[in-house]
Every structure is written in C-alpha cells, then in structure tokens.
Amino acid sequence: MEKLESKVKSAIDKYGLINKNERVLVGLSGGADSVALLHVLLKIAPERGFELCAAHLNHGIRGAEAYHDQHFVEELCGRLGVPLVCEKLDIPGIARAEGKTLEQAAREKRYEFFHRAAGELGADKIAVAHHMDDQAESIMLHLIRGSGLKGLMGMEPAYGDIIRPLLWARRREIEEYAADNGLKYCTDSTNLERDASRNRIRLDLIPYIQDNLNPCFVEGLCSMGELLRQDEEYLDGLARDALRDAKTEEGYDRARLAALPLPLKSRAIRIAVFEAGATADVERRHIERIMDMLTAKTGAHADIPHISAWVSYGSICFGIRQNANEVDVPFNIEGETRFAGGFFFAEAVEGGIIKNNTVAYIDRDKLPAGLRVRTRRDGDRFQLIGSGGGKKLKDFFIDRKVPRDQRNMPILFSGSDALFIPGYGISDKVKVEENTKRVLRVTYVAEQ
C-alpha cells in the first residue's frame, strides 16, 4: 500500500471522517493536493463503501488561468465519472463590497459554495485537501497574530461536515504520489506571490527555520498543535459544564461565571457567544469586554459581531437585542388602537371584573382627553393600583426587576402618567370603585 493512501486510511479510521454509505464531496481546485486527494479516495471508496462527487469554484481572480483550471477539472471528472458542480464568482468585487481582504472573502465564499454544491449533489461530507504544511502555515500565522490555544491548535481533522484526510501528509509526499501515479494537475501562480502573509510564511519563514534551526520544524509544529488540541478539548469540556451550571431563565448567572478561573471563564464566554450566533469575527477584545460586564451594573451592554451582550440584574444575556420600535399613537376610546407589534382594544362592559395581566378595567369617567399609546420616556411616572404613592416609571421597572430590553412596551399614557402597563397593572388614578358608573375594558394583544 502506498504511503499516502495508508495515511488517509489511518486518518479516516482514527477520526471517523467517512462512514459507510456516505457521499463525499471533494473540493477540487485542480492543484496537486486536491487531485491527489480525489485519486486516493477513489481508490479506497469501493472497499470502504462510500461515493464521491466534486465541486470547483472559479474565484474570478486569475483570468485565463482560472478558466484553464476549471476546464481541467471538468475534463478530469468527466473522464473519472465523478459528478461535478462548477461555479464562478467575482471574489475581488465581493471583497471590495463587503470590506474584506481578498483571502478572507475567497475562503468564506468558497465554503459557502461547497455547502451549496453538497446540497445539490446530496453529499454528507466535504473533503478539502489541507495537508501538514498547510497546518504549519496556519499555526505560524496564528502565532504571529497572538492567538490563544484555539488558534495554535491549527485546523481540525473534522469540523461539522468538513473533513481533512490529508492533514498528516507532507506536501512533498503528495507531489511524489502524483508523480508516481502519473497525475496531471494545475499550478496556481498566486501561490508564488509574496503579497499575502501566508505566502511569505510558506516561501520564506518556514524554509529559513528548517534550513537554519530545525529541519523537522513542520512535523514538530503540527505535533505541538495536536497536543494543544487535547488540552483545549479538556478545558472546553470543563467550560461547557460550568456554563450549563450557570444557566438562568434569561441568560447566565454572572456571579457564577465571574468566580470561574480565567481559562474557564474566557472559554465559557466564547462558547456562549458562539451559541448565540456569533460564529465569526469575534476577537479577544470582545471576550474581555464581556468578562468585564460580569461585574457591571444592570443595563450595561456591548455590541460584538453579529450579536449583543447585556446585563440584566444577576444575569448576563446574549443574542440579537430586540429593541422595540418607538410607539406614539392616539388612543381610541372605542375599538382598536393599532401600532407596530400589536393593538389595544377598548370596549364598554358591564358585570364582573376578570383578572388578566393583559386586560385593564378602567373607570371611563376618570379618563382625561388626549390619551396616547406610546413607549416610555424620561420623566414618566406610575402609581400602581393600591400602592399608596407614585414613582418614576424607571424606578417601578427596576423594583420589579423588569429586564432592560423588555421595558419598551406599548403603554397607555395621559401626559407623563402611565395608566395601563400590560402585564403589570393599571394606575390607581383610574381604578374602578363602588360608585363607578361606566367601565372601559382595554385589552392588549401582541402580534408577531
């Protein structure tokens, strides 16, 4: 058995990369790495019981050279009988429009395309051709940027439906395999340009270290990454347990998270952030800002890429902040008063009062003119029925521990006096008494 084939089989077995009866999509650029990966997987697919298909993205970067690569891939897959999906994108234009680097935009759009192609071809896994030299470059890049353990681990053998069967093979082994098996492939000329940081690491930094300091530097760096992965998985497990124990109805118990050792605290925060929807662009400064909020006052909040974090009494919460739209409309004394998110319905009634926190029974003759339904403002006041005195609406919400992000509800006002707060009650000033002659029932209905 050839060395590369043996390494791919070992990786599949050790990490469970491919299961029987699965269909695997190979990300096929046409370069030596992806062509060799396709060739190896085709050799072992019959005995392992899986199927193959492929996808190729023309990034719109290299002009005629890119079209040559696409035609090469189409001819190769046609000859091998491998189902193929091709697509062309204007990555330079996308990068400019989205304010991203060319490398970042290319990576993001490439994986988006792979997932679209996998859906079209019915693939269960997406195999990409990253190898050990790519892994060393990634680790060095993260080291130079000051990454934590997560970055120094490098790429994972499997992440979701993405698998990397060549991660334990050197580039030279792949090129030798291609030569021994007479495989033709394309060469990306941009890999020889020194404009990108990764290329300078590949072409200059790593060769210098290998020639002058450690000839086994790539293997050593990747071995370190694997050891760090084991440590990170252990710490990650502890952090997930701590986060689960700190769960509250709103978010997570701030005191419990604040008491964690720093390595667990930062990991727990990062896990919570990612679970809330921030799957990219989260940096160390964002995590540190949120850790500071664990001891901040209620109302503190921070916007980070894709989501927000905010403090609500004893909890820290994560998600997309639902700031209610400003509401300010005249109140109709009969029928509906509509606004964004719902309506009030007012009607005259006789008989008993039914207790319901979304329904108010009001003495009709105590209502002044000029009533409005609006959201709260500075200076608003509220005297809850039976409370014996009024207070600032802000203080009422604080005393009731109403989360800050839930206070912008539609309220029935007379000037700055709140008369009906759905869910919390009516004002003492409009309560129904024994001598009340006319009763107005006001029902709040929320709409999604």
Protein backbone atom coordinates (compact mmCIF):
# COMPACT_ATOMS: atom_id res chain seq x y z
CA MET A 1 0.00 0.00 0.00
CA GLU A 2 1.34 3.45 -0.89
CA LYS A 3 2.35 5.74 1.98
CA LEU A 4 -0.20 8.48 1.21
CA GLU A 5 -3.04 6.00 0.87
CA SER A 6 -2.08 4.46 4.20
CA LYS A 7 -2.08 7.87 5.92
CA VAL A 8 -5.50 8.75 4.52
CA LYS A 9 -6.96 5.43 5.69
CA SER A 10 -5.46 5.92 9.16
CA ALA A 11 -6.95 9.41 9.39
CA ILE A 12 -10.38 8.17 8.32
CA ASP A 13 -10.28 5.41 10.92
CA LYS A 14 -8.84 7.45 13.79
CA TYR A 15 -11.22 10.41 13.45
CA GLY A 16 -14.23 8.73 11.87
CA LEU A 17 -14.04 11.04 8.86
CA ILE A 18 -16.11 8.95 6.44
CA ASN A 19 -18.76 6.35 7.18
CA LYS A 20 -20.14 3.58 5.01
CA ASN A 21 -22.84 4.62 2.52
CA GLU A 22 -21.94 8.30 2.75
CA ARG A 23 -21.37 10.55 -0.25
CA VAL A 24 -18.27 12.74 -0.03
CA LEU A 25 -17.80 15.96 -2.00
CA VAL A 26 -14.17 16.77 -2.80
CA GLY A 27 -13.28 20.44 -3.04
CA LEU A 28 -11.37 20.20 -6.32
CA SER A 29 -9.23 23.19 -7.28
CA GLY A 30 -7.22 21.24 -9.85
CA GLY A 31 -3.98 21.59 -7.88
CA ALA A 32 -1.75 18.70 -6.86
CA ASP A 33 -3.28 18.40 -3.37
CA SER A 34 -6.94 18.14 -4.38
CA VAL A 35 -6.22 15.95 -7.41
CA ALA A 36 -4.23 13.54 -5.24
CA LEU A 37 -7.00 13.55 -2.62
CA LEU A 38 -9.61 12.68 -5.24
CA HIS A 39 -7.39 9.93 -6.63
CA VAL A 40 -6.75 8.36 -3.21
CA LEU A 41 -10.40 8.49 -2.19
CA LEU A 42 -11.44 6.90 -5.49
CA LYS A 43 -9.04 4.02 -4.79
CA ILE A 44 -10.36 3.30 -1.31
CA ALA A 45 -14.06 4.15 -1.88
CA PRO A 46 -15.08 0.67 -3.10
CA GLU A 47 -13.69 -1.17 -0.09
CA ARG A 48 -14.98 1.46 2.36
CA GLY A 49 -18.42 1.71 0.76
CA PHE A 50 -18.72 5.44 0.11
CA GLU A 51 -19.35 7.52 -3.03
CA LEU A 52 -17.61 10.61 -4.38
CA CYS A 53 -18.56 13.82 -6.14
CA ALA A 54 -16.70 17.09 -6.59
CA ALA A 55 -17.07 20.88 -6.69
CA HIS A 56 -14.88 23.55 -8.29
CA LEU A 57 -15.08 27.32 -7.72
CA ASN A 58 -13.67 29.79 -10.23
CA HIS A 59 -12.86 32.75 -7.98
CA GLY A 60 -12.63 35.24 -10.84
CA ILE A 61 -9.12 36.23 -9.75
CA ARG A 62 -6.62 34.75 -12.23
CA GLY A 63 -8.30 35.40 -15.57
CA ALA A 64 -7.49 32.87 -18.28
CA GLU A 65 -5.50 30.72 -15.85
CA ALA A 66 -8.63 30.22 -13.71
CA TYR A 67 -10.68 29.15 -16.76
CA HIS A 68 -7.91 26.72 -17.68
CA ASP A 69 -8.16 25.18 -14.19
CA GLN A 70 -11.93 24.89 -14.50
CA HIS A 71 -11.70 23.17 -17.89
CA PHE A 72 -9.04 20.80 -16.50
CA VAL A 73 -11.30 19.84 -13.57
CA GLU A 74 -14.29 19.34 -15.86
CA GLU A 75 -12.28 17.06 -18.14
CA LEU A 76 -10.81 15.13 -15.19
CA CYS A 77 -14.17 14.48 -13.52
CA GLY A 78 -15.75 13.59 -16.84
CA ARG A 79 -13.05 11.03 -17.52
CA LEU A 80 -13.30 9.56 -13.99
CA GLY A 81 -17.11 9.58 -13.93
CA VAL A 82 -17.25 11.84 -10.86
CA PRO A 83 -20.32 14.13 -10.62
CA LEU A 84 -19.16 17.74 -10.61
CA VAL A 85 -20.61 21.19 -9.86
CA CYS A 86 -18.76 24.31 -11.03
CA GLU A 87 -19.48 27.94 -10.26
CA LYS A 88 -17.83 31.30 -10.98
CA LEU A 89 -17.82 34.24 -8.56
CA ASP A 90 -16.32 37.72 -8.68
CA ILE A 91 -14.35 37.42 -5.45
CA PRO A 92 -12.44 40.73 -5.91
CA GLY A 93 -15.75 42.55 -6.34
CA ILE A 94 -17.27 40.79 -3.34
CA ALA A 95 -14.22 41.62 -1.20
CA ARG A 96 -14.49 45.32 -2.10
CA ALA A 97 -18.25 45.41 -1.49
CA GLU A 98 -18.01 43.68 1.89
CA GLY A 99 -14.83 45.42 3.07
CA LYS A 100 -12.85 42.18 3.39
CA THR A 101 -9.43 41.04 2.29
CA LEU A 102 -9.26 39.00 -0.90
CA GLU A 103 -8.13 35.94 1.06
CA GLN A 104 -10.94 36.27 3.62
CA ALA A 105 -13.66 36.75 1.00
CA ALA A 106 -12.32 33.85 -1.08
CA ARG A 107 -12.31 31.49 1.90
CA GLU A 108 -15.82 32.43 3.04
CA LYS A 109 -17.40 32.23 -0.42
CA ARG A 110 -15.57 29.02 -1.23
CA TYR A 111 -17.04 27.21 1.77
CA GLU A 112 -20.48 28.67 1.10
CA PHE A 113 -20.22 27.28 -2.43
CA PHE A 114 -19.07 23.88 -1.19
CA HIS A 115 -22.15 23.65 1.02
CA ARG A 116 -24.45 24.66 -1.83
CA ALA A 117 -22.83 22.06 -4.07
CA ALA A 118 -23.08 19.41 -1.34
CA GLY A 119 -26.79 20.10 -1.09
CA GLU A 120 -27.19 19.88 -4.85
CA LEU A 121 -25.27 16.61 -5.13
CA GLY A 122 -26.60 15.05 -1.93
CA ALA A 123 -23.20 14.90 -0.20
CA ASP A 124 -22.85 14.13 3.51
CA LYS A 125 -19.24 15.33 3.92
CA ILE A 126 -16.98 17.88 2.25
CA ALA A 127 -13.35 16.80 1.91
CA VAL A 128 -10.74 19.54 1.50
CA ALA A 129 -7.08 18.93 0.72
CA HIS A 130 -5.29 20.74 3.54
CA HIS A 131 -2.06 18.94 4.43
CA MET A 132 0.62 19.13 7.12
CA ASP A 133 2.48 22.04 5.52
CA ASP A 134 -0.80 24.00 5.35
CA GLN A 135 -1.32 23.18 9.01
CA ALA A 136 2.13 24.52 9.94
CA GLU A 137 1.46 27.72 7.99
CA SER A 138 -1.87 28.21 9.79
CA ILE A 139 -0.31 27.69 13.22
CA MET A 140 2.52 30.12 12.42
CA LEU A 141 0.05 32.70 11.15
CA HIS A 142 -1.98 32.45 14.37
CA LEU A 143 1.19 32.57 16.48
CA ILE A 144 2.33 35.76 14.77
CA ARG A 145 -1.11 37.32 15.35
CA GLY A 146 -1.02 36.47 19.06
CA SER A 147 -3.69 33.77 19.07
CA GLY A 148 -4.66 31.66 22.07
CA LEU A 149 -4.69 27.87 22.24
CA LYS A 150 -7.61 27.62 19.83
CA GLY A 151 -5.58 29.16 17.02
CA LEU A 152 -2.36 27.35 17.90
CA MET A 153 -4.16 24.01 17.53
CA GLY A 154 -4.45 24.69 13.83
CA MET A 155 -7.14 23.15 11.66
CA GLU A 156 -9.25 20.30 12.97
CA PRO A 157 -9.42 16.91 11.20
CA ALA A 158 -13.22 17.26 11.18
CA TYR A 159 -15.33 20.34 11.81
CA GLY A 160 -19.01 19.85 11.19
CA ASP A 161 -19.28 18.30 7.74
CA ILE A 162 -15.78 19.48 6.69
CA ILE A 163 -13.10 16.76 6.75
CA ARG A 164 -9.34 16.90 6.09
CA PRO A 165 -7.98 13.43 5.23
CA LEU A 166 -4.55 14.74 4.12
CA LEU A 167 -3.72 16.63 7.31
CA TRP A 168 -0.95 14.17 8.27
CA ALA A 169 0.78 14.16 4.88
CA ARG A 170 3.60 16.47 3.83
CA ARG A 171 3.39 18.44 0.60
CA ARG A 172 6.34 16.54 -0.82
CA GLU A 173 4.58 13.21 -0.16
CA ILE A 174 1.56 14.42 -2.11
CA GLU A 175 3.71 15.57 -5.04
CA GLU A 176 5.57 12.25 -5.01
CA TYR A 177 2.24 10.39 -5.04
CA ALA A 178 1.09 12.46 -8.02
CA ALA A 179 4.32 11.74 -9.89
CA ASP A 180 4.25 8.01 -9.09
CA ASN A 181 0.66 7.73 -10.34
CA GLY A 182 1.13 9.93 -13.39
CA LEU A 183 -1.37 12.51 -12.15
CA LYS A 184 -1.57 15.80 -14.01
CA TYR A 185 -2.56 18.94 -12.10
CA CYS A 186 -2.65 22.72 -12.30
CA THR A 187 -0.33 25.21 -10.59
CA ASP A 188 -1.78 28.37 -9.04
CA SER A 189 0.66 31.15 -9.86
CA THR A 190 -0.64 33.30 -6.99
CA ASN A 191 0.85 30.82 -4.51
CA LEU A 192 4.28 32.09 -5.59
CA GLU A 193 3.47 35.76 -4.91
CA ARG A 194 4.64 37.29 -1.65
CA ASP A 195 1.78 39.75 -1.21
CA ALA A 196 -0.18 37.60 1.28
CA SER A 197 1.15 36.86 4.77
CA ARG A 198 0.54 33.14 4.37
CA ASN A 199 2.65 33.05 1.21
CA ARG A 200 5.56 34.79 2.92
CA ILE A 201 5.37 32.25 5.74
CA ARG A 202 5.33 29.40 3.20
CA LEU A 203 8.03 30.74 0.88
CA ASP A 204 10.40 32.47 3.30
CA LEU A 205 9.87 31.96 7.04
CA ILE A 206 9.35 28.20 7.33
CA PRO A 207 12.15 27.33 4.84
CA TYR A 208 14.55 29.58 6.80
CA ILE A 209 13.69 27.86 10.10
CA GLN A 210 14.05 24.41 8.51
CA ASP A 211 17.39 25.28 6.92
CA ASN A 212 18.93 27.05 9.91
CA LEU A 213 17.20 25.93 13.11
CA ASN A 214 15.16 22.74 12.87
CA PRO A 215 14.85 20.55 9.77
CA CYS A 216 11.80 18.83 11.34
CA PHE A 217 10.09 22.11 12.19
CA VAL A 218 6.83 21.39 10.31
CA GLU A 219 6.37 18.00 11.97
CA GLY A 220 7.23 19.47 15.39
CA LEU A 221 4.84 22.39 14.99
CA CYS A 222 1.98 20.11 13.97
CA SER A 223 2.75 17.74 16.85
CA MET A 224 2.53 20.70 19.22
CA GLY A 225 -0.81 21.64 17.68
CA GLU A 226 -2.14 18.14 18.32
CA LEU A 227 -1.02 18.23 21.98
CA LEU A 228 -2.65 21.63 22.43
CA ARG A 229 -5.82 20.25 20.88
CA GLN A 230 -6.02 17.64 23.65
CA ASP A 231 -5.58 20.33 26.31
CA GLU A 232 -8.13 22.58 24.65
CA GLU A 233 -10.72 19.80 24.39
CA TYR A 234 -10.34 19.10 28.11
CA LEU A 235 -10.66 22.78 29.09
CA ASP A 236 -13.53 23.24 26.66
CA GLY A 237 -15.40 20.38 28.35
CA LEU A 238 -14.96 21.96 31.78
CA ALA A 239 -16.10 25.34 30.44
CA ARG A 240 -19.23 23.82 28.90
CA ASP A 241 -20.10 22.15 32.20
CA ALA A 242 -19.63 25.44 34.06
CA LEU A 243 -21.75 27.30 31.51
CA ARG A 244 -24.53 24.74 31.81
CA ASP A 245 -24.49 25.05 35.61
CA ALA A 246 -24.71 28.86 35.33
CA LYS A 247 -27.76 28.85 33.03
CA THR A 248 -30.65 31.07 34.10
CA GLU A 249 -34.03 31.77 32.54
CA GLU A 250 -32.67 34.93 30.87
CA GLY A 251 -29.06 34.02 30.24
CA TYR A 252 -26.25 33.01 32.60
CA ASP A 253 -25.59 33.71 36.28
CA ARG A 254 -22.99 36.48 36.35
CA ALA A 255 -21.64 35.67 39.80
CA ARG A 256 -21.03 32.02 38.93
CA LEU A 257 -19.23 32.91 35.71
CA ALA A 258 -17.19 35.64 37.40
CA ALA A 259 -15.98 33.14 40.01
CA LEU A 260 -14.51 30.79 37.39
CA PRO A 261 -10.74 30.60 36.86
CA LEU A 262 -9.77 32.83 33.95
CA PRO A 263 -9.04 29.98 31.47
CA LEU A 264 -12.54 28.56 32.04
CA LYS A 265 -14.23 31.94 32.24
CA SER A 266 -12.95 33.12 28.86
CA ARG A 267 -13.85 29.80 27.23
CA ALA A 268 -17.33 29.78 28.75
CA ILE A 269 -17.96 33.31 27.45
CA ARG A 270 -16.70 32.38 23.99
CA ILE A 271 -18.93 29.29 23.90
CA ALA A 272 -21.97 31.35 24.97
CA VAL A 273 -21.21 33.97 22.32
CA PHE A 274 -20.91 31.40 19.56
CA GLU A 275 -24.04 29.54 20.65
CA ALA A 276 -25.91 32.86 20.49
CA GLY A 277 -25.00 33.26 16.82
CA ALA A 278 -21.61 34.98 16.64
CA THR A 279 -19.86 32.33 14.56
CA ALA A 280 -17.14 34.56 13.12
CA ASP A 281 -15.11 37.74 13.65
CA VAL A 282 -15.13 37.51 17.46
CA GLU A 283 -11.79 38.69 18.83
CA ARG A 284 -10.10 38.54 22.22
CA ARG A 285 -11.06 42.17 22.96
CA HIS A 286 -14.74 41.24 22.59
CA ILE A 287 -14.38 38.37 25.08
CA GLU A 288 -12.50 40.62 27.53
CA ARG A 289 -15.21 43.28 27.25
CA ILE A 290 -17.89 40.74 28.12
CA MET A 291 -15.87 39.40 31.06
CA ASP A 292 -15.72 42.96 32.43
CA MET A 293 -19.52 43.07 32.19
CA LEU A 294 -19.81 40.19 34.66
CA THR A 295 -19.33 42.73 37.45
CA ALA A 296 -21.04 45.70 35.77
CA LYS A 297 -24.34 47.36 36.67
CA THR A 298 -27.68 46.33 35.19
CA GLY A 299 -28.13 47.87 31.78
CA ALA A 300 -24.52 47.54 30.64
CA HIS A 301 -24.30 46.15 27.13
CA ALA A 302 -21.80 45.54 24.37
CA ASP A 303 -22.27 45.05 20.66
CA ILE A 304 -19.98 42.42 19.17
CA PRO A 305 -20.00 41.00 15.64
CA HIS A 306 -23.45 39.60 14.81
CA ILE A 307 -24.93 39.73 18.35
CA SER A 308 -25.06 41.77 21.55
CA ALA A 309 -24.42 41.04 25.21
CA TRP A 310 -26.21 42.82 28.03
CA VAL A 311 -26.53 42.71 31.80
CA SER A 312 -29.94 42.11 33.36
CA TYR A 313 -29.69 42.06 37.14
CA GLY A 314 -27.98 38.81 38.10
CA SER A 315 -27.70 37.53 34.55
CA ILE A 316 -25.61 38.24 31.50
CA CYS A 317 -27.56 37.69 28.31
CA PHE A 318 -26.56 37.05 24.71
CA GLY A 319 -28.49 37.34 21.49
CA ILE A 320 -29.90 39.74 18.97
CA ARG A 321 -31.23 42.65 21.01
CA GLN A 322 -34.88 43.21 20.27
CA ASN A 323 -35.21 46.93 20.78
CA ALA A 324 -38.88 47.74 20.39
CA ASN A 325 -39.82 50.32 17.81
CA GLU A 326 -40.88 53.71 19.12
CA VAL A 327 -44.65 53.82 19.53
CA ASP A 328 -46.67 57.03 19.86
CA VAL A 329 -50.28 56.98 18.59
CA PRO A 330 -53.58 58.47 19.80
CA PHE A 331 -55.70 56.12 21.91
CA ASN A 332 -59.14 55.28 20.55
CA ILE A 333 -61.67 55.19 23.37
CA GLU A 334 -63.71 52.71 21.34
CA GLY A 335 -62.34 49.90 19.21
CA GLU A 336 -58.74 49.26 18.14
CA THR A 337 -55.63 51.33 18.62
CA ARG A 338 -53.04 49.75 16.34
CA PHE A 339 -49.26 50.14 16.44
CA ALA A 340 -46.19 48.16 15.42
CA GLY A 341 -46.31 44.82 17.23
CA GLY A 342 -49.95 44.70 18.30
CA PHE A 343 -53.01 46.70 19.37
CA PHE A 344 -55.20 47.82 22.27
CA PHE A 345 -58.93 47.05 22.03
CA ALA A 346 -61.27 49.25 24.12
CA GLU A 347 -64.94 48.48 24.79
CA ALA A 348 -67.61 49.37 27.32
CA VAL A 349 -68.59 46.46 29.57
CA GLU A 350 -70.92 45.60 32.42
CA GLY A 351 -70.59 42.93 35.03
CA GLY A 352 -67.70 41.40 36.93
CA ILE A 353 -64.00 42.08 36.50
CA ILE A 354 -61.85 39.23 35.22
CA LYS A 355 -58.24 39.25 36.40
CA ASN A 356 -55.82 39.08 33.47
CA ASN A 357 -52.48 40.85 33.18
CA THR A 358 -53.16 41.88 29.59
CA VAL A 359 -56.60 43.34 30.35
CA ALA A 360 -57.39 46.57 32.20
CA TYR A 361 -60.76 47.57 33.71
CA ILE A 362 -60.85 51.36 33.93
CA ASP A 363 -63.34 53.91 35.25
CA ARG A 364 -64.36 55.52 31.97
CA ASP A 365 -65.28 58.84 33.59
CA LYS A 366 -61.82 59.25 35.16
CA LEU A 367 -60.10 59.23 31.78
CA PRO A 368 -58.99 62.68 30.58
CA ALA A 369 -58.83 63.70 26.94
CA GLY A 370 -55.71 63.32 24.83
CA LEU A 371 -54.75 59.77 25.80
CA ARG A 372 -51.91 58.18 23.86
CA VAL A 373 -50.32 54.77 23.50
CA ARG A 374 -46.56 55.11 23.43
CA THR A 375 -43.28 53.72 24.71
CA ARG A 376 -41.68 55.12 27.86
CA ARG A 377 -39.72 58.37 28.14
CA ASP A 378 -37.62 60.07 30.77
CA GLY A 379 -39.84 61.67 33.41
CA ASP A 380 -42.76 59.25 33.08
CA ARG A 381 -44.44 58.21 36.35
CA PHE A 382 -46.69 55.41 37.53
CA GLN A 383 -48.86 54.87 40.61
CA LEU A 384 -49.82 51.20 40.68
CA ILE A 385 -53.31 50.49 41.98
CA GLY A 386 -53.23 50.02 45.74
CA SER A 387 -49.60 51.16 46.05
CA GLY A 388 -50.35 54.31 48.06
CA GLY A 389 -48.00 56.53 46.05
CA GLY A 390 -46.44 57.13 42.68
CA LYS A 391 -42.86 56.82 41.47
CA LYS A 392 -40.78 57.23 38.37
CA LEU A 393 -41.65 54.59 35.79
CA LYS A 394 -37.95 53.76 35.55
CA ASP A 395 -37.84 53.03 39.30
CA PHE A 396 -41.00 50.91 39.03
CA PHE A 397 -39.35 48.73 36.40
CA ILE A 398 -36.17 48.49 38.46
CA ASP A 399 -38.09 47.49 41.59
CA ARG A 400 -39.95 44.83 39.61
CA LYS A 401 -36.67 43.66 38.05
CA VAL A 402 -38.02 44.04 34.55
CA PRO A 403 -35.14 43.31 32.15
CA ARG A 404 -33.93 46.48 30.49
CA ASP A 405 -34.51 45.14 26.98
CA GLN A 406 -38.18 44.39 27.84
CA ARG A 407 -39.16 47.84 29.12
CA ASN A 408 -40.01 49.45 25.77
CA MET A 409 -43.55 48.10 25.69
CA PRO A 410 -46.64 49.97 24.50
CA ILE A 411 -48.23 51.78 27.49
CA LEU A 412 -51.46 53.83 27.83
CA PHE A 413 -50.50 57.34 28.93
CA SER A 414 -52.17 60.58 29.97
CA GLY A 415 -49.33 63.05 29.57
CA SER A 416 -46.47 61.60 31.59
CA ASP A 417 -48.74 59.43 33.78
CA ALA A 418 -48.87 55.74 32.87
CA LEU A 419 -52.44 54.46 33.18
CA PHE A 420 -52.09 50.86 31.96
CA ILE A 421 -48.90 48.83 31.64
CA PRO A 422 -49.70 45.45 30.04
CA GLY A 423 -48.54 42.68 32.31
CA TYR A 424 -48.11 44.93 35.38
CA GLY A 425 -51.42 46.64 36.10
CA ILE A 426 -53.32 49.93 35.99
CA SER A 427 -52.90 53.25 37.72
CA ASP A 428 -54.64 53.93 40.99
CA LYS A 429 -55.94 57.13 39.37
CA VAL A 430 -58.32 55.25 37.02
CA LYS A 431 -59.33 52.28 39.16
CA VAL A 432 -62.92 51.04 39.23
CA GLU A 433 -64.70 51.80 42.54
CA GLU A 434 -68.14 51.18 44.04
CA ASN A 435 -69.54 54.40 42.61
CA THR A 436 -68.14 53.82 39.11
CA LYS A 437 -70.87 54.23 36.51
CA ARG A 438 -69.09 53.26 33.30
CA VAL A 439 -66.40 50.61 32.94
CA LEU A 440 -64.00 50.51 30.00
CA ARG A 441 -62.20 47.26 29.29
CA VAL A 442 -58.87 47.68 27.49
CA THR A 443 -57.25 44.51 26.15
CA TYR A 444 -53.65 44.34 24.92
CA VAL A 445 -52.97 41.96 22.04
CA ALA A 446 -49.38 41.34 20.92
CA GLU A 447 -48.75 40.32 17.32
CA GLN A 448 -45.67 38.55 15.96
